[in-house]
Each structure stands twice: as structure tokens, then as C-alpha cells.
Amino acid sequence: MTSMETIEKLSRKYSLSQEEFIKLGSALAMKEKKRALQIERLEILARYEAETVNDLEEKIKTGAVPEHPAWEDLIEIKNIEAGIGEIELDIRMLQAA
């Protein structure tokens, strides 16, 4: 059975059109990716006992945490936050379609 045949069968089973089934699955996949990124962000902040990015940045500037690897982690958090923002936009775009 091909992927499209499986999607057709499952969408019928759950009383959804194929488009709705794919749309819902795509949104759920993006939400799961967002959740994983949020967990990663929290884990990095927890390493430094920081609650926010600004808190971590302040701790780095004041020397409360070692500059290395904290700066790299701060950059990583900012990249994660940008990724989360992109995912949120993509989910909204998909829901509007």
C-alpha cells in the first residue's frame, strides 16, 4: 500500500477529507517540533539557573556564569526562539489555508 493509499484509507476511517487529514497531521508535527524546541530552550536556561534569555544575558555580563560556553548557549537559545517563531507562523499559515 502506498502512502497516499494509506492516507486515503485513514482519512476515511476518521471521517476527514484527505486534505484535512494531511493538514491536521502537518500541524501536529509542527507543534511537536515546537514543543521539542521549547524543552531544549528550557534545558539550556536551567543549566545557568536563568528564567529568561535576558536573565542569562545579564548573568553573562555580570560574570555570574562563565562566559564560555554561556555565550554559545545564548546564541543557541536565540536561534531556538527564532525557530519557534517560524513554526508558529507556519502553523497559522496552514490553519488559514
PDB file of N, CA and C in Angstrom:
ATOM      1  N   MET A   1       0.850  -1.179   0.000  1.00  0.00           N
ATOM      2  CA  MET A   1       0.000   0.000   0.000  1.00  0.00           C
ATOM      3  C   MET A   1       0.892   1.238   0.000  1.00  0.00           C
ATOM      4  N   THR A   2       0.610   2.171  -0.885  1.00  0.00           N
ATOM      5  CA  THR A   2       1.403   3.400  -0.951  1.00  0.00           C
ATOM      6  C   THR A   2       0.994   4.349   0.173  1.00  0.00           C
ATOM      7  N   SER A   3       1.801   5.353   0.383  1.00  0.00           N
ATOM      8  CA  SER A   3       1.495   6.360   1.412  1.00  0.00           C
ATOM      9  C   SER A   3       0.166   7.050   1.139  1.00  0.00           C
ATOM     10  N   MET A   4      -0.080   7.388  -0.109  1.00  0.00           N
ATOM     11  CA  MET A   4      -1.323   8.079  -0.462  1.00  0.00           C
ATOM     12  C   MET A   4      -2.534   7.163  -0.258  1.00  0.00           C
ATOM     13  N   GLU A   5      -2.373   5.879  -0.538  1.00  0.00           N
ATOM     14  CA  GLU A   5      -3.468   4.938  -0.293  1.00  0.00           C
ATOM     15  C   GLU A   5      -3.734   4.822   1.206  1.00  0.00           C
ATOM     16  N   THR A   6      -2.685   4.825   1.990  1.00  0.00           N
ATOM     17  CA  THR A   6      -2.824   4.770   3.444  1.00  0.00           C
ATOM     18  C   THR A   6      -3.521   6.016   3.962  1.00  0.00           C
ATOM     19  N   ILE A   7      -3.114   7.167   3.455  1.00  0.00           N
ATOM     20  CA  ILE A   7      -3.744   8.432   3.854  1.00  0.00           C
ATOM     21  C   ILE A   7      -5.221   8.418   3.481  1.00  0.00           C
ATOM     22  N   GLU A   8      -5.531   7.934   2.289  1.00  0.00           N
ATOM     23  CA  GLU A   8      -6.923   7.867   1.852  1.00  0.00           C
ATOM     24  C   GLU A   8      -7.735   6.965   2.791  1.00  0.00           C
ATOM     25  N   LYS A   9      -7.192   5.815   3.115  1.00  0.00           N
ATOM     26  CA  LYS A   9      -7.875   4.865   3.992  1.00  0.00           C
ATOM     27  C   LYS A   9      -8.076   5.450   5.397  1.00  0.00           C
ATOM     28  N   LEU A  10      -7.014   6.034   5.956  1.00  0.00           N
ATOM     29  CA  LEU A  10      -7.101   6.586   7.312  1.00  0.00           C
ATOM     30  C   LEU A  10      -7.998   7.817   7.375  1.00  0.00           C
ATOM     31  N   SER A  11      -7.941   8.654   6.366  1.00  0.00           N
ATOM     32  CA  SER A  11      -8.792   9.849   6.379  1.00  0.00           C
ATOM     33  C   SER A  11     -10.264   9.439   6.343  1.00  0.00           C
ATOM     34  N   ARG A  12     -10.593   8.417   5.571  1.00  0.00           N
ATOM     35  CA  ARG A  12     -11.970   7.916   5.567  1.00  0.00           C
ATOM     36  C   ARG A  12     -12.342   7.355   6.935  1.00  0.00           C
ATOM     37  N   LYS A  13     -11.423   6.612   7.525  1.00  0.00           N
ATOM     38  CA  LYS A  13     -11.668   5.995   8.836  1.00  0.00           C
ATOM     39  C   LYS A  13     -12.018   7.055   9.882  1.00  0.00           C
ATOM     40  N   TYR A  14     -11.345   8.192   9.815  1.00  0.00           N
ATOM     41  CA  TYR A  14     -11.550   9.255  10.804  1.00  0.00           C
ATOM     42  C   TYR A  14     -12.473  10.363  10.298  1.00  0.00           C
ATOM     43  N   SER A  15     -13.190  10.071   9.239  1.00  0.00           N
ATOM     44  CA  SER A  15     -14.193  10.985   8.667  1.00  0.00           C
ATOM     45  C   SER A  15     -13.633  12.366   8.352  1.00  0.00           C
ATOM     46  N   LEU A  16     -12.467  12.373   7.737  1.00  0.00           N
ATOM     47  CA  LEU A  16     -11.833  13.610   7.303  1.00  0.00           C
ATOM     48  C   LEU A  16     -11.529  13.506   5.817  1.00  0.00           C
ATOM     49  N   SER A  17     -11.482  14.654   5.154  1.00  0.00           N
ATOM     50  CA  SER A  17     -11.005  14.628   3.774  1.00  0.00           C
ATOM     51  C   SER A  17      -9.500  14.381   3.820  1.00  0.00           C
ATOM     52  N   GLN A  18      -8.951  13.951   2.707  1.00  0.00           N
ATOM     53  CA  GLN A  18      -7.501  13.736   2.668  1.00  0.00           C
ATOM     54  C   GLN A  18      -6.768  15.041   2.974  1.00  0.00           C
ATOM     55  N   GLU A  19      -7.279  16.137   2.445  1.00  0.00           N
ATOM     56  CA  GLU A  19      -6.648  17.433   2.691  1.00  0.00           C
ATOM     57  C   GLU A  19      -6.678  17.780   4.179  1.00  0.00           C
ATOM     58  N   GLU A  20      -7.829  17.581   4.822  1.00  0.00           N
ATOM     59  CA  GLU A  20      -7.939  17.863   6.255  1.00  0.00           C
ATOM     60  C   GLU A  20      -7.005  16.956   7.067  1.00  0.00           C
ATOM     61  N   PHE A  21      -6.945  15.698   6.667  1.00  0.00           N
ATOM     62  CA  PHE A  21      -6.097  14.727   7.366  1.00  0.00           C
ATOM     63  C   PHE A  21      -4.626  15.136   7.283  1.00  0.00           C
ATOM     64  N   ILE A  22      -4.194  15.504   6.102  1.00  0.00           N
ATOM     65  CA  ILE A  22      -2.799  15.929   5.900  1.00  0.00           C
ATOM     66  C   ILE A  22      -2.529  17.236   6.635  1.00  0.00           C
ATOM     67  N   LYS A  23      -3.469  18.171   6.554  1.00  0.00           N
ATOM     68  CA  LYS A  23      -3.330  19.465   7.222  1.00  0.00           C
ATOM     69  C   LYS A  23      -3.208  19.270   8.732  1.00  0.00           C
ATOM     70  N   LEU A  24      -4.077  18.445   9.298  1.00  0.00           N
ATOM     71  CA  LEU A  24      -4.046  18.176  10.735  1.00  0.00           C
ATOM     72  C   LEU A  24      -2.736  17.510  11.137  1.00  0.00           C
ATOM     73  N   GLY A  25      -2.311  16.522  10.358  1.00  0.00           N
ATOM     74  CA  GLY A  25      -1.051  15.834  10.653  1.00  0.00           C
ATOM     75  C   GLY A  25       0.146  16.768  10.567  1.00  0.00           C
ATOM     76  N   SER A  26       0.130  17.647   9.590  1.00  0.00           N
ATOM     77  CA  SER A  26       1.219  18.609   9.439  1.00  0.00           C
ATOM     78  C   SER A  26       1.270  19.571  10.621  1.00  0.00           C
ATOM     79  N   ALA A  27       0.100  20.050  11.034  1.00  0.00           N
ATOM     80  CA  ALA A  27       0.041  20.967  12.178  1.00  0.00           C
ATOM     81  C   ALA A  27       0.529  20.268  13.447  1.00  0.00           C
ATOM     82  N   LEU A  28       0.127  19.027  13.632  1.00  0.00           N
ATOM     83  CA  LEU A  28       0.574  18.279  14.818  1.00  0.00           C
ATOM     84  C   LEU A  28       2.085  18.049  14.795  1.00  0.00           C
ATOM     85  N   ALA A  29       2.634  17.767  13.630  1.00  0.00           N
ATOM     86  CA  ALA A  29       4.079  17.563  13.517  1.00  0.00           C
ATOM     87  C   ALA A  29       4.826  18.853  13.857  1.00  0.00           C
ATOM     88  N   MET A  30       4.315  19.975  13.384  1.00  0.00           N
ATOM     89  CA  MET A  30       4.960  21.260  13.688  1.00  0.00           C
ATOM     90  C   MET A  30       4.836  21.600  15.168  1.00  0.00           C
ATOM     91  N   LYS A  31       3.696  21.296  15.773  1.00  0.00           N
ATOM     92  CA  LYS A  31       3.518  21.554  17.199  1.00  0.00           C
ATOM     93  C   LYS A  31       4.467  20.694  18.025  1.00  0.00           C
ATOM     94  N   GLU A  32       4.700  19.467  17.597  1.00  0.00           N
ATOM     95  CA  GLU A  32       5.634  18.592  18.306  1.00  0.00           C
ATOM     96  C   GLU A  32       7.065  19.131  18.191  1.00  0.00           C
ATOM     97  N   LYS A  33       7.429  19.619  17.014  1.00  0.00           N
ATOM     98  CA  LYS A  33       8.755  20.222  16.816  1.00  0.00           C
ATOM     99  C   LYS A  33       8.907  21.450  17.704  1.00  0.00           C
ATOM    100  N   LYS A  34       7.858  22.262  17.778  1.00  0.00           N
ATOM    101  CA  LYS A  34       7.870  23.452  18.631  1.00  0.00           C
ATOM    102  C   LYS A  34       8.066  23.051  20.092  1.00  0.00           C
ATOM    103  N   ARG A  35       7.352  22.023  20.516  1.00  0.00           N
ATOM    104  CA  ARG A  35       7.460  21.552  21.895  1.00  0.00           C
ATOM    105  C   ARG A  35       8.882  21.082  22.197  1.00  0.00           C
ATOM    106  N   ALA A  36       9.487  20.359  21.273  1.00  0.00           N
ATOM    107  CA  ALA A  36      10.861  19.887  21.460  1.00  0.00           C
ATOM    108  C   ALA A  36      11.828  21.067  21.576  1.00  0.00           C
ATOM    109  N   LEU A  37      11.636  22.085  20.761  1.00  0.00           N
ATOM    110  CA  LEU A  37      12.492  23.275  20.835  1.00  0.00           C
ATOM    111  C   LEU A  37      12.299  24.014  22.156  1.00  0.00           C
ATOM    112  N   GLN A  38      11.054  24.086  22.625  1.00  0.00           N
ATOM    113  CA  GLN A  38      10.791  24.744  23.907  1.00  0.00           C
ATOM    114  C   GLN A  38      11.476  24.011  25.053  1.00  0.00           C
ATOM    115  N   ILE A  39      11.459  22.694  25.003  1.00  0.00           N
ATOM    116  CA  ILE A  39      12.134  21.893  26.030  1.00  0.00           C
ATOM    117  C   ILE A  39      13.631  22.145  25.976  1.00  0.00           C
ATOM    118  N   GLU A  40      14.196  22.154  24.775  1.00  0.00           N
ATOM    119  CA  GLU A  40      15.633  22.413  24.619  1.00  0.00           C
ATOM    120  C   GLU A  40      16.005  23.787  25.185  1.00  0.00           C
ATOM    121  N   ARG A  41      15.168  24.782  24.906  1.00  0.00           N
ATOM    122  CA  ARG A  41      15.388  26.143  25.423  1.00  0.00           C
ATOM    123  C   ARG A  41      15.397  26.146  26.945  1.00  0.00           C
ATOM    124  N   LEU A  42      14.408  25.492  27.537  1.00  0.00           N
ATOM    125  CA  LEU A  42      14.323  25.437  29.000  1.00  0.00           C
ATOM    126  C   LEU A  42      15.507  24.693  29.622  1.00  0.00           C
ATOM    127  N   GLU A  43      15.954  23.637  28.960  1.00  0.00           N
ATOM    128  CA  GLU A  43      17.104  22.889  29.472  1.00  0.00           C
ATOM    129  C   GLU A  43      18.368  23.744  29.496  1.00  0.00           C
ATOM    130  N   ILE A  44      18.564  24.528  28.449  1.00  0.00           N
ATOM    131  CA  ILE A  44      19.734  25.407  28.403  1.00  0.00           C
ATOM    132  C   ILE A  44      19.633  26.462  29.505  1.00  0.00           C
ATOM    133  N   LEU A  45      18.485  27.102  29.639  1.00  0.00           N
ATOM    134  CA  LEU A  45      18.311  28.113  30.681  1.00  0.00           C
ATOM    135  C   LEU A  45      18.518  27.510  32.074  1.00  0.00           C
ATOM    136  N   ALA A  46      18.032  26.297  32.271  1.00  0.00           N
ATOM    137  CA  ALA A  46      18.160  25.642  33.583  1.00  0.00           C
ATOM    138  C   ALA A  46      19.623  25.403  33.947  1.00  0.00           C
ATOM    139  N   ARG A  47      20.463  25.149  32.953  1.00  0.00           N
ATOM    140  CA  ARG A  47      21.904  24.951  33.218  1.00  0.00           C
ATOM    141  C   ARG A  47      22.508  26.139  33.948  1.00  0.00           C
ATOM    142  N   TYR A  48      21.968  27.310  33.662  1.00  0.00           N
ATOM    143  CA  TYR A  48      22.515  28.545  34.225  1.00  0.00           C
ATOM    144  C   TYR A  48      21.601  29.142  35.292  1.00  0.00           C
ATOM    145  N   GLU A  49      20.586  28.381  35.670  1.00  0.00           N
ATOM    146  CA  GLU A  49      19.600  28.851  36.647  1.00  0.00           C
ATOM    147  C   GLU A  49      19.039  30.218  36.232  1.00  0.00           C
ATOM    148  N   ALA A  50      18.739  30.318  34.961  1.00  0.00           N
ATOM    149  CA  ALA A  50      18.171  31.539  34.392  1.00  0.00           C
ATOM    150  C   ALA A  50      16.736  31.250  33.971  1.00  0.00           C
ATOM    151  N   GLU A  51      15.883  32.256  34.104  1.00  0.00           N
ATOM    152  CA  GLU A  51      14.487  32.060  33.737  1.00  0.00           C
ATOM    153  C   GLU A  51      14.162  32.577  32.338  1.00  0.00           C
ATOM    154  N   THR A  52      14.949  33.550  31.875  1.00  0.00           N
ATOM    155  CA  THR A  52      14.713  34.127  30.552  1.00  0.00           C
ATOM    156  C   THR A  52      16.045  34.322  29.845  1.00  0.00           C
ATOM    157  N   VAL A  53      15.951  34.640  28.569  1.00  0.00           N
ATOM    158  CA  VAL A  53      17.154  34.946  27.795  1.00  0.00           C
ATOM    159  C   VAL A  53      17.829  36.188  28.367  1.00  0.00           C
ATOM    160  N   ASN A  54      17.025  37.186  28.712  1.00  0.00           N
ATOM    161  CA  ASN A  54      17.589  38.411  29.283  1.00  0.00           C
ATOM    162  C   ASN A  54      18.297  38.121  30.606  1.00  0.00           C
ATOM    163  N   ASP A  55      17.728  37.243  31.391  1.00  0.00           N
ATOM    164  CA  ASP A  55      18.336  36.847  32.657  1.00  0.00           C
ATOM    165  C   ASP A  55      19.697  36.196  32.411  1.00  0.00           C
ATOM    166  N   LEU A  56      19.764  35.290  31.453  1.00  0.00           N
ATOM    167  CA  LEU A  56      21.032  34.644  31.120  1.00  0.00           C
ATOM    168  C   LEU A  56      22.034  35.658  30.606  1.00  0.00           C
ATOM    169  N   GLU A  57      21.592  36.547  29.753  1.00  0.00           N
ATOM    170  CA  GLU A  57      22.486  37.579  29.202  1.00  0.00           C
ATOM    171  C   GLU A  57      23.058  38.446  30.323  1.00  0.00           C
ATOM    172  N   GLU A  58      22.226  38.793  31.268  1.00  0.00           N
ATOM    173  CA  GLU A  58      22.675  39.603  32.412  1.00  0.00           C
ATOM    174  C   GLU A  58      23.688  38.824  33.257  1.00  0.00           C
ATOM    175  N   LYS A  59      23.445  37.558  33.459  1.00  0.00           N
ATOM    176  CA  LYS A  59      24.376  36.726  34.235  1.00  0.00           C
ATOM    177  C   LYS A  59      25.734  36.628  33.538  1.00  0.00           C
ATOM    178  N   ILE A  60      25.724  36.565  32.233  1.00  0.00           N
ATOM    179  CA  ILE A  60      26.979  36.527  31.477  1.00  0.00           C
ATOM    180  C   ILE A  60      27.712  37.854  31.639  1.00  0.00           C
ATOM    181  N   LYS A  61      26.992  38.962  31.474  1.00  0.00           N
ATOM    182  CA  LYS A  61      27.609  40.291  31.551  1.00  0.00           C
ATOM    183  C   LYS A  61      28.189  40.581  32.929  1.00  0.00           C
ATOM    184  N   THR A  62      27.521  40.103  33.967  1.00  0.00           N
ATOM    185  CA  THR A  62      27.991  40.381  35.332  1.00  0.00           C
ATOM    186  C   THR A  62      29.002  39.360  35.829  1.00  0.00           C
ATOM    187  N   GLY A  63      29.246  38.321  35.032  1.00  0.00           N
ATOM    188  CA  GLY A  63      30.208  37.294  35.434  1.00  0.00           C
ATOM    189  C   GLY A  63      29.634  36.258  36.386  1.00  0.00           C
ATOM    190  N   ALA A  64      28.316  36.241  36.541  1.00  0.00           N
ATOM    191  CA  ALA A  64      27.673  35.268  37.424  1.00  0.00           C
ATOM    192  C   ALA A  64      27.759  33.855  36.859  1.00  0.00           C
ATOM    193  N   VAL A  65      27.919  33.751  35.540  1.00  0.00           N
ATOM    194  CA  VAL A  65      28.138  32.450  34.883  1.00  0.00           C
ATOM    195  C   VAL A  65      29.337  32.602  33.960  1.00  0.00           C
ATOM    196  N   PRO A  66      30.049  31.501  33.709  1.00  0.00           N
ATOM    197  CA  PRO A  66      31.214  31.582  32.822  1.00  0.00           C
ATOM    198  C   PRO A  66      30.817  32.005  31.402  1.00  0.00           C
ATOM    199  N   GLU A  67      31.607  32.900  30.854  1.00  0.00           N
ATOM    200  CA  GLU A  67      31.329  33.407  29.519  1.00  0.00           C
ATOM    201  C   GLU A  67      31.296  32.291  28.479  1.00  0.00           C
ATOM    202  N   HIS A  68      32.199  31.345  28.658  1.00  0.00           N
ATOM    203  CA  HIS A  68      32.242  30.212  27.731  1.00  0.00           C
ATOM    204  C   HIS A  68      31.826  28.970  28.493  1.00  0.00           C
ATOM    205  N   PRO A  69      30.838  28.255  28.133  1.00  0.00           N
ATOM    206  CA  PRO A  69      30.097  28.238  26.872  1.00  0.00           C
ATOM    207  C   PRO A  69      28.787  29.020  26.906  1.00  0.00           C
ATOM    208  N   ALA A  70      28.565  29.849  27.911  1.00  0.00           N
ATOM    209  CA  ALA A  70      27.276  30.532  28.054  1.00  0.00           C
ATOM    210  C   ALA A  70      26.915  31.375  26.830  1.00  0.00           C
ATOM    211  N   TRP A  71      27.918  32.065  26.234  1.00  0.00           N
ATOM    212  CA  TRP A  71      27.602  32.883  25.053  1.00  0.00           C
ATOM    213  C   TRP A  71      27.106  32.012  23.906  1.00  0.00           C
ATOM    214  N   GLU A  72      27.753  30.859  23.733  1.00  0.00           N
ATOM    215  CA  GLU A  72      27.322  29.946  22.671  1.00  0.00           C
ATOM    216  C   GLU A  72      25.909  29.448  22.942  1.00  0.00           C
ATOM    217  N   ASP A  73      25.619  29.143  24.202  1.00  0.00           N
ATOM    218  CA  ASP A  73      24.279  28.694  24.566  1.00  0.00           C
ATOM    219  C   ASP A  73      23.260  29.812  24.377  1.00  0.00           C
ATOM    220  N   LEU A  74      23.647  31.032  24.663  1.00  0.00           N
ATOM    221  CA  LEU A  74      22.757  32.171  24.462  1.00  0.00           C
ATOM    222  C   LEU A  74      22.411  32.317  22.978  1.00  0.00           C
ATOM    223  N   ILE A  75      23.400  32.173  22.136  1.00  0.00           N
ATOM    224  CA  ILE A  75      23.168  32.227  20.682  1.00  0.00           C
ATOM    225  C   ILE A  75      22.239  31.091  20.270  1.00  0.00           C
ATOM    226  N   GLU A  76      22.468  29.917  20.831  1.00  0.00           N
ATOM    227  CA  GLU A  76      21.621  28.760  20.518  1.00  0.00           C
ATOM    228  C   GLU A  76      20.172  29.021  20.936  1.00  0.00           C
ATOM    229  N   ILE A  77      19.975  29.601  22.110  1.00  0.00           N
ATOM    230  CA  ILE A  77      18.617  29.912  22.572  1.00  0.00           C
ATOM    231  C   ILE A  77      17.951  30.904  21.625  1.00  0.00           C
ATOM    232  N   LYS A  78      18.692  31.899  21.191  1.00  0.00           N
ATOM    233  CA  LYS A  78      18.116  32.882  20.266  1.00  0.00           C
ATOM    234  C   LYS A  78      17.727  32.219  18.947  1.00  0.00           C
ATOM    235  N   ASN A  79      18.544  31.268  18.481  1.00  0.00           N
ATOM    236  CA  ASN A  79      18.208  30.516  17.274  1.00  0.00           C
ATOM    237  C   ASN A  79      16.969  29.644  17.500  1.00  0.00           C
ATOM    238  N   ILE A  80      16.887  29.043  18.671  1.00  0.00           N
ATOM    239  CA  ILE A  80      15.728  28.223  19.019  1.00  0.00           C
ATOM    240  C   ILE A  80      14.473  29.086  19.028  1.00  0.00           C
ATOM    241  N   GLU A  81      14.554  30.257  19.646  1.00  0.00           N
ATOM    242  CA  GLU A  81      13.398  31.147  19.703  1.00  0.00           C
ATOM    243  C   GLU A  81      12.965  31.591  18.303  1.00  0.00           C
ATOM    244  N   ALA A  82      13.934  31.828  17.436  1.00  0.00           N
ATOM    245  CA  ALA A  82      13.600  32.182  16.050  1.00  0.00           C
ATOM    246  C   ALA A  82      12.903  31.006  15.367  1.00  0.00           C
ATOM    247  N   GLY A  83      13.383  29.801  15.615  1.00  0.00           N
ATOM    248  CA  GLY A  83      12.758  28.602  15.054  1.00  0.00           C
ATOM    249  C   GLY A  83      11.337  28.425  15.551  1.00  0.00           C
ATOM    250  N   ILE A  84      11.120  28.670  16.842  1.00  0.00           N
ATOM    251  CA  ILE A  84       9.777  28.583  17.415  1.00  0.00           C
ATOM    252  C   ILE A  84       8.856  29.609  16.750  1.00  0.00           C
ATOM    253  N   GLY A  85       9.359  30.805  16.564  1.00  0.00           N
ATOM    254  CA  GLY A  85       8.571  31.844  15.904  1.00  0.00           C
ATOM    255  C   GLY A  85       8.195  31.452  14.486  1.00  0.00           C
ATOM    256  N   GLU A  86       9.123  30.860  13.757  1.00  0.00           N
ATOM    257  CA  GLU A  86       8.850  30.415  12.392  1.00  0.00           C
ATOM    258  C   GLU A  86       7.783  29.335  12.373  1.00  0.00           C
ATOM    259  N   ILE A  87       7.904  28.393  13.299  1.00  0.00           N
ATOM    260  CA  ILE A  87       6.922  27.308  13.379  1.00  0.00           C
ATOM    261  C   ILE A  87       5.537  27.881  13.669  1.00  0.00           C
ATOM    262  N   GLU A  88       5.464  28.834  14.599  1.00  0.00           N
ATOM    263  CA  GLU A  88       4.170  29.453  14.913  1.00  0.00           C
ATOM    264  C   GLU A  88       3.566  30.125  13.688  1.00  0.00           C
ATOM    265  N   LEU A  89       4.391  30.813  12.904  1.00  0.00           N
ATOM    266  CA  LEU A  89       3.897  31.442  11.668  1.00  0.00           C
ATOM    267  C   LEU A  89       3.417  30.398  10.668  1.00  0.00           C
ATOM    268  N   ASP A  90       4.183  29.317  10.548  1.00  0.00           N
ATOM    269  CA  ASP A  90       3.807  28.254   9.624  1.00  0.00           C
ATOM    270  C   ASP A  90       2.494  27.592  10.035  1.00  0.00           C
ATOM    271  N   ILE A  91       2.303  27.391  11.332  1.00  0.00           N
ATOM    272  CA  ILE A  91       1.050  26.788  11.807  1.00  0.00           C
ATOM    273  C   ILE A  91      -0.124  27.716  11.494  1.00  0.00           C
ATOM    274  N   ARG A  92       0.048  29.014  11.759  1.00  0.00           N
ATOM    275  CA  ARG A  92      -1.016  29.969  11.449  1.00  0.00           C
ATOM    276  C   ARG A  92      -1.325  29.995   9.954  1.00  0.00           C
ATOM    277  N   MET A  93      -0.275  29.942   9.127  1.00  0.00           N
ATOM    278  CA  MET A  93      -0.465  29.941   7.685  1.00  0.00           C
ATOM    279  C   MET A  93      -1.232  28.691   7.238  1.00  0.00           C
ATOM    280  N   LEU A  94      -0.887  27.561   7.812  1.00  0.00           N
ATOM    281  CA  LEU A  94      -1.562  26.310   7.471  1.00  0.00           C
ATOM    282  C   LEU A  94      -3.024  26.350   7.920  1.00  0.00           C
ATOM    283  N   GLN A  95      -3.279  26.891   9.098  1.00  0.00           N
ATOM    284  CA  GLN A  95      -4.651  26.962   9.595  1.00  0.00           C
ATOM    285  C   GLN A  95      -5.502  27.919   8.770  1.00  0.00           C
ATOM    286  N   ALA A  96      -4.873  28.941   8.212  1.00  0.00           N
ATOM    287  CA  ALA A  96      -5.605  29.912   7.406  1.00  0.00           C
ATOM    288  C   ALA A  96      -5.915  29.383   6.008  1.00  0.00           C
ATOM    289  N   ALA A  97      -5.176  28.393   5.578  1.00  0.00           N
ATOM    290  CA  ALA A  97      -5.354  27.845   4.214  1.00  0.00           C
ATOM    291  C   ALA A  97      -6.639  27.058   4.088  1.00  0.00           C
TER     292      ALA A  97
END
